[in-house]
N, C-alpha and C. Protein backbone atom coordinates (compact mmCIF):
# COMPACT_ATOMS: atom_id res chain seq x y z
N MET A 1 8.78 19.81 -6.52
CA MET A 1 7.45 19.29 -6.22
C MET A 1 7.35 17.84 -6.70
N SER A 2 6.89 16.97 -5.84
CA SER A 2 6.82 15.56 -6.17
C SER A 2 5.60 15.25 -7.03
N GLU A 3 5.75 14.23 -7.86
CA GLU A 3 4.66 13.75 -8.69
C GLU A 3 4.40 12.28 -8.38
N ILE A 4 3.15 11.87 -8.58
CA ILE A 4 2.73 10.49 -8.35
C ILE A 4 2.41 9.84 -9.69
N HIS A 5 2.97 8.67 -9.94
CA HIS A 5 2.68 7.92 -11.16
C HIS A 5 2.06 6.59 -10.78
N ARG A 6 0.86 6.38 -11.25
CA ARG A 6 0.15 5.13 -10.97
C ARG A 6 0.57 4.05 -11.97
N ILE A 7 0.97 2.90 -11.46
CA ILE A 7 1.25 1.73 -12.30
C ILE A 7 0.09 0.76 -12.09
N LYS A 8 -0.75 0.64 -13.08
CA LYS A 8 -1.93 -0.21 -12.96
C LYS A 8 -1.53 -1.65 -13.23
N CYS A 9 -1.74 -2.50 -12.24
CA CYS A 9 -1.35 -3.91 -12.33
C CYS A 9 -2.60 -4.76 -12.15
N GLY A 10 -3.32 -4.99 -13.23
CA GLY A 10 -4.60 -5.69 -13.10
C GLY A 10 -5.56 -4.84 -12.31
N ASN A 11 -6.13 -5.40 -11.24
CA ASN A 11 -7.06 -4.63 -10.41
C ASN A 11 -6.36 -3.93 -9.25
N GLY A 12 -5.03 -3.96 -9.26
CA GLY A 12 -4.28 -3.31 -8.20
C GLY A 12 -3.38 -2.22 -8.73
N ASN A 13 -2.82 -1.44 -7.82
CA ASN A 13 -1.96 -0.32 -8.18
C ASN A 13 -0.64 -0.35 -7.41
N CYS A 14 0.42 0.06 -8.10
CA CYS A 14 1.66 0.47 -7.46
C CYS A 14 1.85 1.94 -7.81
N TYR A 15 2.71 2.62 -7.07
CA TYR A 15 2.93 4.04 -7.32
C TYR A 15 4.40 4.39 -7.26
N ILE A 16 4.83 5.19 -8.20
CA ILE A 16 6.15 5.81 -8.13
C ILE A 16 5.94 7.25 -7.66
N VAL A 17 6.61 7.62 -6.60
CA VAL A 17 6.61 9.00 -6.12
C VAL A 17 7.98 9.57 -6.44
N GLU A 18 8.02 10.59 -7.30
CA GLU A 18 9.32 11.09 -7.77
C GLU A 18 9.38 12.61 -7.75
N ASN A 19 10.62 13.12 -7.66
CA ASN A 19 10.83 14.56 -7.67
C ASN A 19 11.65 15.01 -8.87
N GLY A 20 11.67 14.16 -9.92
CA GLY A 20 12.45 14.47 -11.10
C GLY A 20 13.63 13.56 -11.29
N ALA A 21 14.15 13.04 -10.19
CA ALA A 21 15.29 12.11 -10.26
C ALA A 21 15.12 11.01 -9.23
N ASP A 22 15.17 11.39 -7.96
CA ASP A 22 14.97 10.41 -6.89
C ASP A 22 13.51 9.98 -6.84
N ALA A 23 13.30 8.75 -6.40
CA ALA A 23 11.94 8.23 -6.33
C ALA A 23 11.85 7.12 -5.30
N ILE A 24 10.63 6.88 -4.84
CA ILE A 24 10.33 5.69 -4.06
C ILE A 24 9.23 4.93 -4.80
N LEU A 25 9.22 3.63 -4.62
CA LEU A 25 8.16 2.79 -5.16
C LEU A 25 7.27 2.38 -4.01
N VAL A 26 5.97 2.65 -4.13
CA VAL A 26 5.02 2.26 -3.09
C VAL A 26 4.21 1.07 -3.60
N ASP A 27 4.41 -0.07 -2.94
CA ASP A 27 3.82 -1.36 -3.28
C ASP A 27 4.43 -1.91 -4.58
N THR A 28 4.33 -3.23 -4.74
CA THR A 28 5.10 -3.88 -5.80
C THR A 28 4.27 -4.77 -6.71
N GLY A 29 3.00 -4.99 -6.39
CA GLY A 29 2.14 -5.77 -7.27
C GLY A 29 2.37 -7.26 -7.20
N LYS A 30 1.56 -7.99 -7.98
CA LYS A 30 1.66 -9.44 -8.08
C LYS A 30 2.81 -9.80 -9.02
N LYS A 31 3.26 -11.04 -8.92
CA LYS A 31 4.42 -11.48 -9.72
C LYS A 31 4.15 -11.39 -11.22
N GLU A 32 2.88 -11.48 -11.63
CA GLU A 32 2.55 -11.39 -13.05
C GLU A 32 2.94 -10.04 -13.65
N TYR A 33 3.12 -9.03 -12.81
CA TYR A 33 3.38 -7.67 -13.28
C TYR A 33 4.80 -7.21 -13.00
N ILE A 34 5.69 -8.11 -12.68
CA ILE A 34 7.06 -7.73 -12.33
C ILE A 34 7.73 -6.95 -13.45
N ASN A 35 7.56 -7.37 -14.69
CA ASN A 35 8.22 -6.68 -15.80
C ASN A 35 7.66 -5.27 -15.99
N LYS A 36 6.36 -5.12 -15.87
CA LYS A 36 5.73 -3.80 -16.03
C LYS A 36 6.24 -2.83 -14.96
N VAL A 37 6.29 -3.31 -13.72
CA VAL A 37 6.74 -2.44 -12.63
C VAL A 37 8.23 -2.12 -12.78
N THR A 38 9.02 -3.12 -13.14
CA THR A 38 10.45 -2.90 -13.32
C THR A 38 10.73 -1.85 -14.39
N GLU A 39 10.05 -1.95 -15.53
CA GLU A 39 10.27 -1.00 -16.62
C GLU A 39 9.87 0.41 -16.21
N ALA A 40 8.76 0.54 -15.47
CA ALA A 40 8.32 1.86 -15.02
C ALA A 40 9.33 2.50 -14.09
N CYS A 41 9.98 1.68 -13.28
CA CYS A 41 10.94 2.20 -12.30
C CYS A 41 12.26 2.62 -12.93
N LYS A 42 12.60 2.08 -14.09
CA LYS A 42 13.91 2.32 -14.69
C LYS A 42 14.14 3.79 -15.05
N ALA A 43 13.07 4.57 -15.17
CA ALA A 43 13.22 5.98 -15.52
C ALA A 43 13.68 6.83 -14.34
N TYR A 44 13.76 6.24 -13.15
CA TYR A 44 14.05 7.00 -11.94
C TYR A 44 15.12 6.30 -11.12
N ARG A 45 15.69 7.06 -10.20
CA ARG A 45 16.61 6.45 -9.24
C ARG A 45 15.80 6.04 -8.03
N ILE A 46 15.37 4.80 -8.01
CA ILE A 46 14.56 4.30 -6.90
C ILE A 46 15.44 4.20 -5.66
N ARG A 47 15.00 4.81 -4.57
CA ARG A 47 15.78 4.84 -3.33
C ARG A 47 15.23 3.91 -2.25
N LEU A 48 13.93 3.61 -2.34
CA LEU A 48 13.28 2.82 -1.30
C LEU A 48 12.01 2.19 -1.86
N ILE A 49 11.74 0.97 -1.45
CA ILE A 49 10.46 0.31 -1.72
C ILE A 49 9.65 0.35 -0.45
N VAL A 50 8.47 0.93 -0.50
CA VAL A 50 7.58 1.02 0.65
C VAL A 50 6.39 0.09 0.43
N LEU A 51 6.07 -0.70 1.42
CA LEU A 51 4.87 -1.53 1.36
C LEU A 51 3.82 -0.95 2.29
N THR A 52 2.65 -0.63 1.72
CA THR A 52 1.56 -0.13 2.57
C THR A 52 1.07 -1.22 3.51
N HIS A 53 1.18 -2.47 3.09
CA HIS A 53 0.93 -3.64 3.92
C HIS A 53 1.47 -4.85 3.18
N ALA A 54 1.42 -6.01 3.81
CA ALA A 54 2.16 -7.15 3.26
C ALA A 54 1.28 -8.22 2.62
N HIS A 55 0.07 -7.88 2.17
CA HIS A 55 -0.68 -8.83 1.37
C HIS A 55 0.01 -9.01 0.03
N PHE A 56 -0.08 -10.23 -0.53
CA PHE A 56 0.74 -10.59 -1.69
C PHE A 56 0.50 -9.68 -2.90
N ASP A 57 -0.74 -9.18 -3.06
CA ASP A 57 -1.01 -8.35 -4.23
C ASP A 57 -0.33 -6.99 -4.13
N HIS A 58 0.21 -6.68 -2.98
CA HIS A 58 0.97 -5.45 -2.79
C HIS A 58 2.46 -5.70 -2.59
N ALA A 59 2.80 -6.93 -2.20
CA ALA A 59 4.17 -7.19 -1.75
C ALA A 59 4.87 -8.35 -2.44
N GLU A 60 4.21 -9.02 -3.38
CA GLU A 60 4.78 -10.26 -3.93
C GLU A 60 6.11 -10.03 -4.65
N ASN A 61 6.32 -8.85 -5.21
CA ASN A 61 7.56 -8.58 -5.95
C ASN A 61 8.60 -7.84 -5.11
N ALA A 62 8.35 -7.68 -3.82
CA ALA A 62 9.24 -6.85 -3.00
C ALA A 62 10.67 -7.37 -2.99
N ALA A 63 10.85 -8.66 -2.74
CA ALA A 63 12.21 -9.20 -2.65
C ALA A 63 12.94 -9.08 -3.98
N ARG A 64 12.24 -9.40 -5.06
CA ARG A 64 12.89 -9.36 -6.37
C ARG A 64 13.25 -7.94 -6.79
N LEU A 65 12.32 -6.99 -6.58
CA LEU A 65 12.62 -5.61 -6.95
C LEU A 65 13.72 -5.02 -6.09
N SER A 66 13.78 -5.43 -4.84
CA SER A 66 14.86 -4.99 -3.96
C SER A 66 16.20 -5.45 -4.52
N ASP A 67 16.24 -6.67 -5.03
CA ASP A 67 17.47 -7.18 -5.65
C ASP A 67 17.80 -6.43 -6.94
N ILE A 68 16.78 -6.22 -7.77
CA ILE A 68 17.01 -5.59 -9.08
C ILE A 68 17.58 -4.19 -8.93
N PHE A 69 17.01 -3.41 -8.01
CA PHE A 69 17.41 -2.01 -7.89
C PHE A 69 18.39 -1.76 -6.74
N GLY A 70 18.68 -2.80 -5.97
CA GLY A 70 19.65 -2.66 -4.89
C GLY A 70 19.21 -1.68 -3.82
N VAL A 71 17.92 -1.72 -3.47
CA VAL A 71 17.37 -0.78 -2.49
C VAL A 71 16.65 -1.54 -1.38
N PRO A 72 16.51 -0.91 -0.21
CA PRO A 72 15.83 -1.58 0.90
C PRO A 72 14.31 -1.58 0.75
N VAL A 73 13.69 -2.49 1.48
CA VAL A 73 12.23 -2.53 1.60
C VAL A 73 11.87 -1.99 2.97
N GLY A 74 10.88 -1.08 2.99
CA GLY A 74 10.40 -0.52 4.24
C GLY A 74 8.94 -0.82 4.46
N MET A 75 8.57 -1.14 5.70
CA MET A 75 7.18 -1.41 6.05
C MET A 75 7.05 -1.33 7.56
N ASN A 76 5.84 -1.43 8.05
CA ASN A 76 5.62 -1.44 9.49
C ASN A 76 5.81 -2.86 10.03
N GLU A 77 6.47 -2.97 11.16
CA GLU A 77 6.82 -4.29 11.68
C GLU A 77 5.59 -5.11 12.09
N ARG A 78 4.45 -4.47 12.31
CA ARG A 78 3.26 -5.21 12.71
C ARG A 78 2.71 -6.08 11.58
N ASP A 79 3.22 -5.89 10.37
CA ASP A 79 2.79 -6.72 9.24
C ASP A 79 3.81 -7.79 8.87
N CYS A 80 4.89 -7.90 9.62
CA CYS A 80 5.94 -8.86 9.25
C CYS A 80 5.45 -10.30 9.28
N ASN A 81 4.46 -10.60 10.13
CA ASN A 81 3.96 -11.98 10.18
C ASN A 81 3.23 -12.38 8.90
N LEU A 82 2.85 -11.40 8.07
CA LEU A 82 2.16 -11.70 6.82
C LEU A 82 3.14 -12.12 5.72
N ILE A 83 4.41 -11.83 5.89
CA ILE A 83 5.40 -12.19 4.87
C ILE A 83 5.46 -13.71 4.74
N LYS A 84 5.43 -14.42 5.85
CA LYS A 84 5.48 -15.88 5.83
C LYS A 84 4.17 -16.46 5.31
N SER A 85 3.04 -15.89 5.74
CA SER A 85 1.73 -16.35 5.27
C SER A 85 0.71 -15.24 5.43
N ASN A 86 -0.01 -14.95 4.35
CA ASN A 86 -1.05 -13.91 4.40
C ASN A 86 -2.23 -14.32 5.26
N THR A 87 -2.29 -15.58 5.69
CA THR A 87 -3.39 -16.04 6.55
C THR A 87 -3.13 -15.74 8.02
N ASN A 88 -1.99 -15.16 8.34
CA ASN A 88 -1.64 -14.94 9.75
C ASN A 88 -2.42 -13.81 10.41
N GLN A 89 -3.14 -13.01 9.63
CA GLN A 89 -4.06 -12.03 10.20
C GLN A 89 -5.43 -12.27 9.57
N GLU A 90 -6.35 -12.77 10.34
CA GLU A 90 -7.67 -13.13 9.82
C GLU A 90 -8.41 -11.90 9.32
N LEU A 91 -9.11 -12.05 8.20
CA LEU A 91 -9.88 -10.96 7.62
C LEU A 91 -11.37 -11.24 7.72
N THR A 92 -12.15 -10.14 7.81
CA THR A 92 -13.60 -10.20 7.89
C THR A 92 -14.19 -9.23 6.88
N ALA A 93 -15.37 -9.54 6.38
CA ALA A 93 -16.10 -8.62 5.50
C ALA A 93 -17.58 -8.71 5.86
N GLU A 94 -18.29 -7.59 5.71
CA GLU A 94 -19.72 -7.55 6.02
C GLU A 94 -20.58 -7.31 4.80
N SER A 95 -20.15 -6.42 3.90
CA SER A 95 -20.94 -6.11 2.71
C SER A 95 -20.84 -7.25 1.70
N LEU A 96 -21.80 -7.32 0.79
CA LEU A 96 -21.77 -8.35 -0.25
C LEU A 96 -20.53 -8.21 -1.13
N PRO A 97 -20.20 -7.00 -1.63
CA PRO A 97 -18.97 -6.87 -2.42
C PRO A 97 -17.73 -7.29 -1.62
N GLY A 98 -17.72 -6.92 -0.35
CA GLY A 98 -16.59 -7.28 0.50
C GLY A 98 -16.45 -8.79 0.65
N LYS A 99 -17.58 -9.47 0.81
CA LYS A 99 -17.54 -10.93 0.96
C LYS A 99 -17.06 -11.60 -0.32
N ILE A 100 -17.41 -11.03 -1.47
CA ILE A 100 -16.93 -11.58 -2.75
C ILE A 100 -15.41 -11.41 -2.84
N VAL A 101 -14.94 -10.22 -2.52
CA VAL A 101 -13.49 -9.95 -2.56
C VAL A 101 -12.76 -10.83 -1.55
N LEU A 102 -13.34 -10.99 -0.38
CA LEU A 102 -12.72 -11.81 0.66
C LEU A 102 -12.60 -13.26 0.21
N SER A 103 -13.64 -13.78 -0.40
CA SER A 103 -13.62 -15.17 -0.87
C SER A 103 -12.49 -15.39 -1.87
N VAL A 104 -12.35 -14.49 -2.81
CA VAL A 104 -11.28 -14.59 -3.81
C VAL A 104 -9.91 -14.45 -3.13
N SER A 105 -9.81 -13.50 -2.20
CA SER A 105 -8.54 -13.25 -1.52
C SER A 105 -8.09 -14.47 -0.73
N LEU A 106 -9.00 -15.10 -0.02
CA LEU A 106 -8.64 -16.26 0.80
C LEU A 106 -8.16 -17.42 -0.05
N LYS A 107 -8.76 -17.60 -1.22
CA LYS A 107 -8.29 -18.64 -2.13
C LYS A 107 -6.86 -18.34 -2.58
N ASP A 108 -6.60 -17.08 -2.90
CA ASP A 108 -5.26 -16.70 -3.32
C ASP A 108 -4.25 -16.85 -2.17
N PHE A 109 -4.66 -16.46 -0.97
CA PHE A 109 -3.77 -16.58 0.18
C PHE A 109 -3.31 -18.02 0.38
N SER A 110 -4.20 -18.98 0.10
CA SER A 110 -3.89 -20.38 0.36
C SER A 110 -3.00 -21.00 -0.72
N ARG A 111 -2.95 -20.37 -1.91
CA ARG A 111 -2.20 -21.01 -2.99
C ARG A 111 -0.98 -20.21 -3.46
N ARG A 112 -0.79 -19.01 -2.90
CA ARG A 112 0.36 -18.21 -3.32
C ARG A 112 1.27 -17.98 -2.12
N ALA A 113 2.55 -18.20 -2.34
CA ALA A 113 3.55 -17.97 -1.29
C ALA A 113 4.56 -16.95 -1.80
N MET A 114 4.71 -15.88 -1.07
CA MET A 114 5.69 -14.87 -1.45
C MET A 114 7.10 -15.36 -1.14
N ARG A 115 8.06 -14.90 -1.94
CA ARG A 115 9.47 -15.09 -1.57
C ARG A 115 9.70 -14.26 -0.31
N GLU A 116 10.17 -14.91 0.73
CA GLU A 116 10.33 -14.22 2.01
C GLU A 116 11.48 -13.23 1.97
N PHE A 117 11.35 -12.19 2.77
CA PHE A 117 12.37 -11.15 2.86
C PHE A 117 12.30 -10.53 4.25
N THR A 118 13.35 -9.85 4.62
CA THR A 118 13.38 -9.13 5.89
C THR A 118 13.45 -7.64 5.60
N PRO A 119 12.43 -6.87 5.99
CA PRO A 119 12.47 -5.43 5.72
C PRO A 119 13.69 -4.79 6.40
N ALA A 120 14.41 -3.98 5.63
CA ALA A 120 15.59 -3.31 6.17
C ALA A 120 15.24 -2.00 6.87
N VAL A 121 14.05 -1.49 6.58
CA VAL A 121 13.62 -0.20 7.14
C VAL A 121 12.26 -0.40 7.82
N THR A 122 12.17 -0.04 9.08
CA THR A 122 10.91 -0.09 9.81
C THR A 122 10.26 1.28 9.74
N LEU A 123 9.02 1.32 9.26
CA LEU A 123 8.32 2.59 9.07
C LEU A 123 7.20 2.73 10.09
N ASN A 124 7.22 3.85 10.81
CA ASN A 124 6.23 4.12 11.84
C ASN A 124 5.56 5.47 11.60
N ASP A 125 4.47 5.70 12.28
CA ASP A 125 3.69 6.92 12.12
C ASP A 125 4.57 8.15 12.32
N GLY A 126 4.51 9.06 11.35
CA GLY A 126 5.26 10.31 11.44
C GLY A 126 6.67 10.26 10.87
N ASP A 127 7.14 9.09 10.50
CA ASP A 127 8.50 8.99 9.94
C ASP A 127 8.60 9.77 8.62
N SER A 128 9.68 10.51 8.46
CA SER A 128 9.93 11.27 7.25
C SER A 128 10.67 10.40 6.22
N LEU A 129 10.38 10.65 4.95
CA LEU A 129 11.06 9.95 3.86
C LEU A 129 12.03 10.87 3.11
N THR A 130 12.37 12.01 3.72
CA THR A 130 13.27 12.96 3.06
C THR A 130 14.67 12.38 2.87
N ASP A 131 15.09 11.43 3.71
CA ASP A 131 16.39 10.80 3.53
C ASP A 131 16.46 10.01 2.22
N TYR A 132 15.29 9.73 1.65
CA TYR A 132 15.23 8.99 0.38
C TYR A 132 14.87 9.91 -0.79
N GLY A 133 14.98 11.23 -0.53
CA GLY A 133 14.82 12.20 -1.60
C GLY A 133 13.40 12.65 -1.86
N ILE A 134 12.46 12.24 -1.03
CA ILE A 134 11.05 12.55 -1.26
C ILE A 134 10.47 13.27 -0.05
N ASN A 135 9.77 14.37 -0.29
CA ASN A 135 9.13 15.13 0.78
C ASN A 135 7.80 14.45 1.13
N ALA A 136 7.87 13.48 2.00
CA ALA A 136 6.69 12.72 2.37
C ALA A 136 6.89 12.15 3.77
N LYS A 137 5.79 11.76 4.39
CA LYS A 137 5.89 11.12 5.69
C LYS A 137 4.93 9.94 5.78
N VAL A 138 5.22 9.07 6.70
CA VAL A 138 4.42 7.88 6.93
C VAL A 138 3.26 8.21 7.87
N ILE A 139 2.11 7.64 7.57
CA ILE A 139 0.96 7.78 8.46
C ILE A 139 0.42 6.39 8.76
N SER A 140 0.27 6.09 10.04
CA SER A 140 -0.23 4.78 10.46
C SER A 140 -1.72 4.67 10.18
N LEU A 141 -2.14 3.60 9.49
CA LEU A 141 -3.54 3.40 9.12
C LEU A 141 -3.96 1.95 9.37
N PRO A 142 -3.86 1.47 10.60
CA PRO A 142 -4.18 0.06 10.88
C PRO A 142 -5.66 -0.24 10.72
N GLY A 143 -5.95 -1.50 10.57
CA GLY A 143 -7.34 -1.95 10.48
C GLY A 143 -7.49 -3.01 9.41
N HIS A 144 -7.17 -2.64 8.16
CA HIS A 144 -7.17 -3.65 7.10
C HIS A 144 -6.17 -4.74 7.48
N THR A 145 -4.98 -4.34 7.87
CA THR A 145 -4.02 -5.20 8.55
C THR A 145 -3.48 -4.44 9.76
N ASP A 146 -2.81 -5.15 10.65
CA ASP A 146 -2.28 -4.49 11.85
C ASP A 146 -1.28 -3.40 11.52
N GLY A 147 -0.49 -3.63 10.47
CA GLY A 147 0.59 -2.70 10.17
C GLY A 147 0.38 -1.84 8.94
N SER A 148 -0.87 -1.68 8.52
CA SER A 148 -1.14 -0.86 7.33
C SER A 148 -0.67 0.58 7.54
N ILE A 149 -0.02 1.13 6.52
CA ILE A 149 0.44 2.52 6.57
C ILE A 149 0.05 3.23 5.28
N GLY A 150 0.06 4.56 5.33
CA GLY A 150 -0.11 5.39 4.15
C GLY A 150 1.10 6.29 3.99
N ILE A 151 1.21 6.90 2.82
CA ILE A 151 2.30 7.83 2.54
C ILE A 151 1.68 9.18 2.18
N ASP A 152 1.93 10.19 3.01
CA ASP A 152 1.40 11.54 2.81
C ASP A 152 2.47 12.38 2.13
N VAL A 153 2.22 12.73 0.87
CA VAL A 153 3.21 13.42 0.04
C VAL A 153 2.87 14.91 -0.04
N GLU A 154 3.71 15.73 0.60
CA GLU A 154 3.61 17.19 0.52
C GLU A 154 2.24 17.72 0.92
N ASN A 155 1.53 17.02 1.78
CA ASN A 155 0.19 17.42 2.23
C ASN A 155 -0.77 17.62 1.06
N ARG A 156 -0.45 16.95 -0.07
CA ARG A 156 -1.31 17.06 -1.26
C ARG A 156 -1.83 15.71 -1.73
N HIS A 157 -0.99 14.69 -1.61
CA HIS A 157 -1.32 13.36 -2.09
C HIS A 157 -1.23 12.39 -0.92
N LEU A 158 -2.16 11.44 -0.86
CA LEU A 158 -2.12 10.43 0.19
C LEU A 158 -2.35 9.05 -0.42
N ILE A 159 -1.30 8.23 -0.38
CA ILE A 159 -1.40 6.84 -0.83
C ILE A 159 -1.84 6.01 0.37
N VAL A 160 -2.98 5.34 0.25
CA VAL A 160 -3.59 4.71 1.43
C VAL A 160 -3.56 3.18 1.41
N GLY A 161 -2.99 2.56 0.36
CA GLY A 161 -3.03 1.11 0.31
C GLY A 161 -4.47 0.63 0.32
N ASP A 162 -4.80 -0.29 1.23
CA ASP A 162 -6.17 -0.79 1.35
C ASP A 162 -6.88 -0.27 2.59
N ALA A 163 -6.36 0.82 3.18
CA ALA A 163 -7.07 1.44 4.30
C ALA A 163 -8.41 2.00 3.83
N LEU A 164 -8.48 2.38 2.55
CA LEU A 164 -9.72 2.70 1.84
C LEU A 164 -9.67 1.91 0.54
N MET A 165 -10.82 1.73 -0.10
CA MET A 165 -10.86 0.96 -1.35
C MET A 165 -11.75 1.64 -2.38
N ASN A 166 -11.41 1.39 -3.65
CA ASN A 166 -12.23 1.89 -4.76
C ASN A 166 -12.36 0.80 -5.83
N MET A 167 -12.62 -0.42 -5.39
CA MET A 167 -12.78 -1.52 -6.33
C MET A 167 -14.07 -1.39 -7.13
N PHE A 168 -15.17 -1.11 -6.41
CA PHE A 168 -16.48 -0.94 -7.03
C PHE A 168 -16.94 0.51 -6.94
N TYR A 169 -16.59 1.14 -5.82
CA TYR A 169 -16.92 2.54 -5.54
C TYR A 169 -16.03 2.97 -4.38
N PRO A 170 -15.74 4.27 -4.24
CA PRO A 170 -14.87 4.72 -3.15
C PRO A 170 -15.54 4.50 -1.80
N THR A 171 -14.84 3.82 -0.89
CA THR A 171 -15.43 3.49 0.40
C THR A 171 -14.34 3.14 1.40
N VAL A 172 -14.74 2.90 2.64
CA VAL A 172 -13.80 2.37 3.62
C VAL A 172 -13.40 0.96 3.18
N SER A 173 -12.40 0.41 3.82
CA SER A 173 -11.93 -0.92 3.44
C SER A 173 -13.05 -1.95 3.59
N MET A 174 -13.27 -2.73 2.55
CA MET A 174 -14.35 -3.71 2.55
C MET A 174 -14.00 -4.99 3.28
N LEU A 175 -12.71 -5.22 3.52
CA LEU A 175 -12.29 -6.36 4.33
C LEU A 175 -11.18 -5.91 5.26
N TYR A 176 -11.17 -6.46 6.44
CA TYR A 176 -10.33 -5.89 7.48
C TYR A 176 -10.03 -6.93 8.55
N HIS A 177 -8.92 -6.69 9.23
CA HIS A 177 -8.53 -7.53 10.36
C HIS A 177 -9.14 -7.00 11.66
N ASN A 178 -9.26 -5.68 11.74
CA ASN A 178 -9.80 -5.05 12.96
C ASN A 178 -10.73 -3.92 12.53
N LYS A 179 -12.03 -4.13 12.66
CA LYS A 179 -13.00 -3.15 12.17
C LYS A 179 -12.87 -1.81 12.88
N LYS A 180 -12.72 -1.82 14.19
CA LYS A 180 -12.62 -0.57 14.95
C LYS A 180 -11.44 0.26 14.47
N GLU A 181 -10.28 -0.37 14.31
CA GLU A 181 -9.10 0.36 13.85
C GLU A 181 -9.27 0.84 12.42
N MET A 182 -9.92 0.02 11.59
CA MET A 182 -10.15 0.41 10.19
C MET A 182 -11.00 1.68 10.12
N LEU A 183 -12.06 1.74 10.92
CA LEU A 183 -12.92 2.92 10.92
C LEU A 183 -12.21 4.14 11.48
N GLU A 184 -11.39 3.94 12.51
CA GLU A 184 -10.61 5.06 13.05
C GLU A 184 -9.62 5.58 12.02
N SER A 185 -9.03 4.68 11.25
CA SER A 185 -8.10 5.11 10.21
C SER A 185 -8.81 5.90 9.12
N ALA A 186 -10.03 5.48 8.78
CA ALA A 186 -10.81 6.23 7.78
C ALA A 186 -11.11 7.64 8.28
N LYS A 187 -11.44 7.77 9.56
CA LYS A 187 -11.68 9.09 10.14
C LYS A 187 -10.41 9.93 10.14
N LYS A 188 -9.29 9.28 10.41
CA LYS A 188 -7.99 9.98 10.41
C LYS A 188 -7.68 10.54 9.03
N ILE A 189 -7.99 9.77 8.00
CA ILE A 189 -7.77 10.23 6.63
C ILE A 189 -8.66 11.43 6.33
N SER A 190 -9.93 11.36 6.69
CA SER A 190 -10.86 12.48 6.47
C SER A 190 -10.35 13.75 7.12
N ALA A 191 -9.82 13.60 8.35
CA ALA A 191 -9.38 14.77 9.12
C ALA A 191 -8.18 15.47 8.50
N LEU A 192 -7.48 14.81 7.58
CA LEU A 192 -6.32 15.43 6.93
C LEU A 192 -6.73 16.51 5.93
N GLY A 193 -8.00 16.49 5.51
CA GLY A 193 -8.49 17.54 4.63
C GLY A 193 -8.06 17.35 3.19
N GLY A 194 -7.72 18.46 2.54
CA GLY A 194 -7.47 18.45 1.10
C GLY A 194 -6.32 17.56 0.66
N ARG A 195 -6.63 16.44 0.12
CA ARG A 195 -5.67 15.48 -0.42
C ARG A 195 -6.31 14.78 -1.61
N THR A 196 -5.50 14.34 -2.53
CA THR A 196 -5.95 13.35 -3.51
C THR A 196 -5.63 11.98 -2.93
N ILE A 197 -6.64 11.11 -2.89
CA ILE A 197 -6.48 9.79 -2.31
C ILE A 197 -6.12 8.79 -3.41
N TYR A 198 -5.01 8.09 -3.21
CA TYR A 198 -4.55 7.07 -4.14
C TYR A 198 -4.73 5.70 -3.48
N PHE A 199 -5.58 4.89 -4.07
CA PHE A 199 -5.95 3.60 -3.49
C PHE A 199 -5.04 2.48 -3.97
N GLY A 200 -5.02 1.40 -3.20
CA GLY A 200 -4.38 0.18 -3.67
C GLY A 200 -5.16 -0.47 -4.79
N HIS A 201 -6.45 -0.17 -4.86
CA HIS A 201 -7.32 -0.71 -5.90
C HIS A 201 -8.26 0.40 -6.35
N GLY A 202 -8.20 0.77 -7.62
CA GLY A 202 -9.10 1.77 -8.16
C GLY A 202 -8.44 3.11 -8.43
N LYS A 203 -9.21 4.00 -9.05
CA LYS A 203 -8.71 5.31 -9.46
C LYS A 203 -8.70 6.28 -8.28
N PRO A 204 -7.81 7.28 -8.34
CA PRO A 204 -7.77 8.28 -7.27
C PRO A 204 -8.99 9.18 -7.24
N VAL A 205 -9.33 9.67 -6.06
CA VAL A 205 -10.44 10.60 -5.87
C VAL A 205 -10.04 11.63 -4.81
N PRO A 206 -10.74 12.77 -4.76
CA PRO A 206 -10.48 13.73 -3.69
C PRO A 206 -10.87 13.14 -2.32
N ASN A 207 -10.16 13.57 -1.30
CA ASN A 207 -10.49 13.16 0.06
C ASN A 207 -11.90 13.63 0.41
N ARG A 208 -12.51 12.92 1.34
CA ARG A 208 -13.89 13.22 1.73
C ARG A 208 -14.15 12.70 3.14
N LYS A 209 -15.35 12.88 3.61
CA LYS A 209 -15.76 12.29 4.87
C LYS A 209 -16.11 10.83 4.60
N TRP A 210 -15.27 9.91 5.08
CA TRP A 210 -15.45 8.50 4.74
C TRP A 210 -16.43 7.78 5.65
N ILE A 211 -16.63 8.29 6.84
CA ILE A 211 -17.61 7.71 7.77
C ILE A 211 -18.76 8.69 7.92
N LYS A 212 -19.94 8.29 7.49
CA LYS A 212 -21.10 9.20 7.52
C LYS A 212 -22.00 8.88 8.72
């Protein structure tokens, strides 16, 4: 049975999904947290780095961690344009908290440049991760970004990246590239039923009806 370990990196999260020996790392955090994430991973045999999407706060350490552990990076190809610049997919926010987060994010996007990398593994909806030792599958969750994905672990745990958010309170994504797709992804998550939801930002909560 797989276990999820949250690595809290400031206001963001990375996750180790492990079965006792083999593990995958989901998201990599900002460069300020490279040592924390590296040390957490050393207890396991990391087989794959998965990016839920390619915003820098989730992907900034991807190239370096790939080198450190000698493992591939996997993500959806629709987010590859964000590796060069996080401004390549425009974001929108409507709520006041969302506008505050968006303002901060846009400033960071303009002043931070990730070390570029080429994902070795393309992850699409329904792809299994059993080849990497973990009983989990990829679920497509576009909206926050074009290529946002989640990781559904044993039909018990769902890592959603920023397809949902819990920065201030659990809710749908407060900033998004495509609102219609974001809302459809939130409905898709609700329809999965009993899961613990692991956010890119904030503490985990039980799954619920996200669109009322």
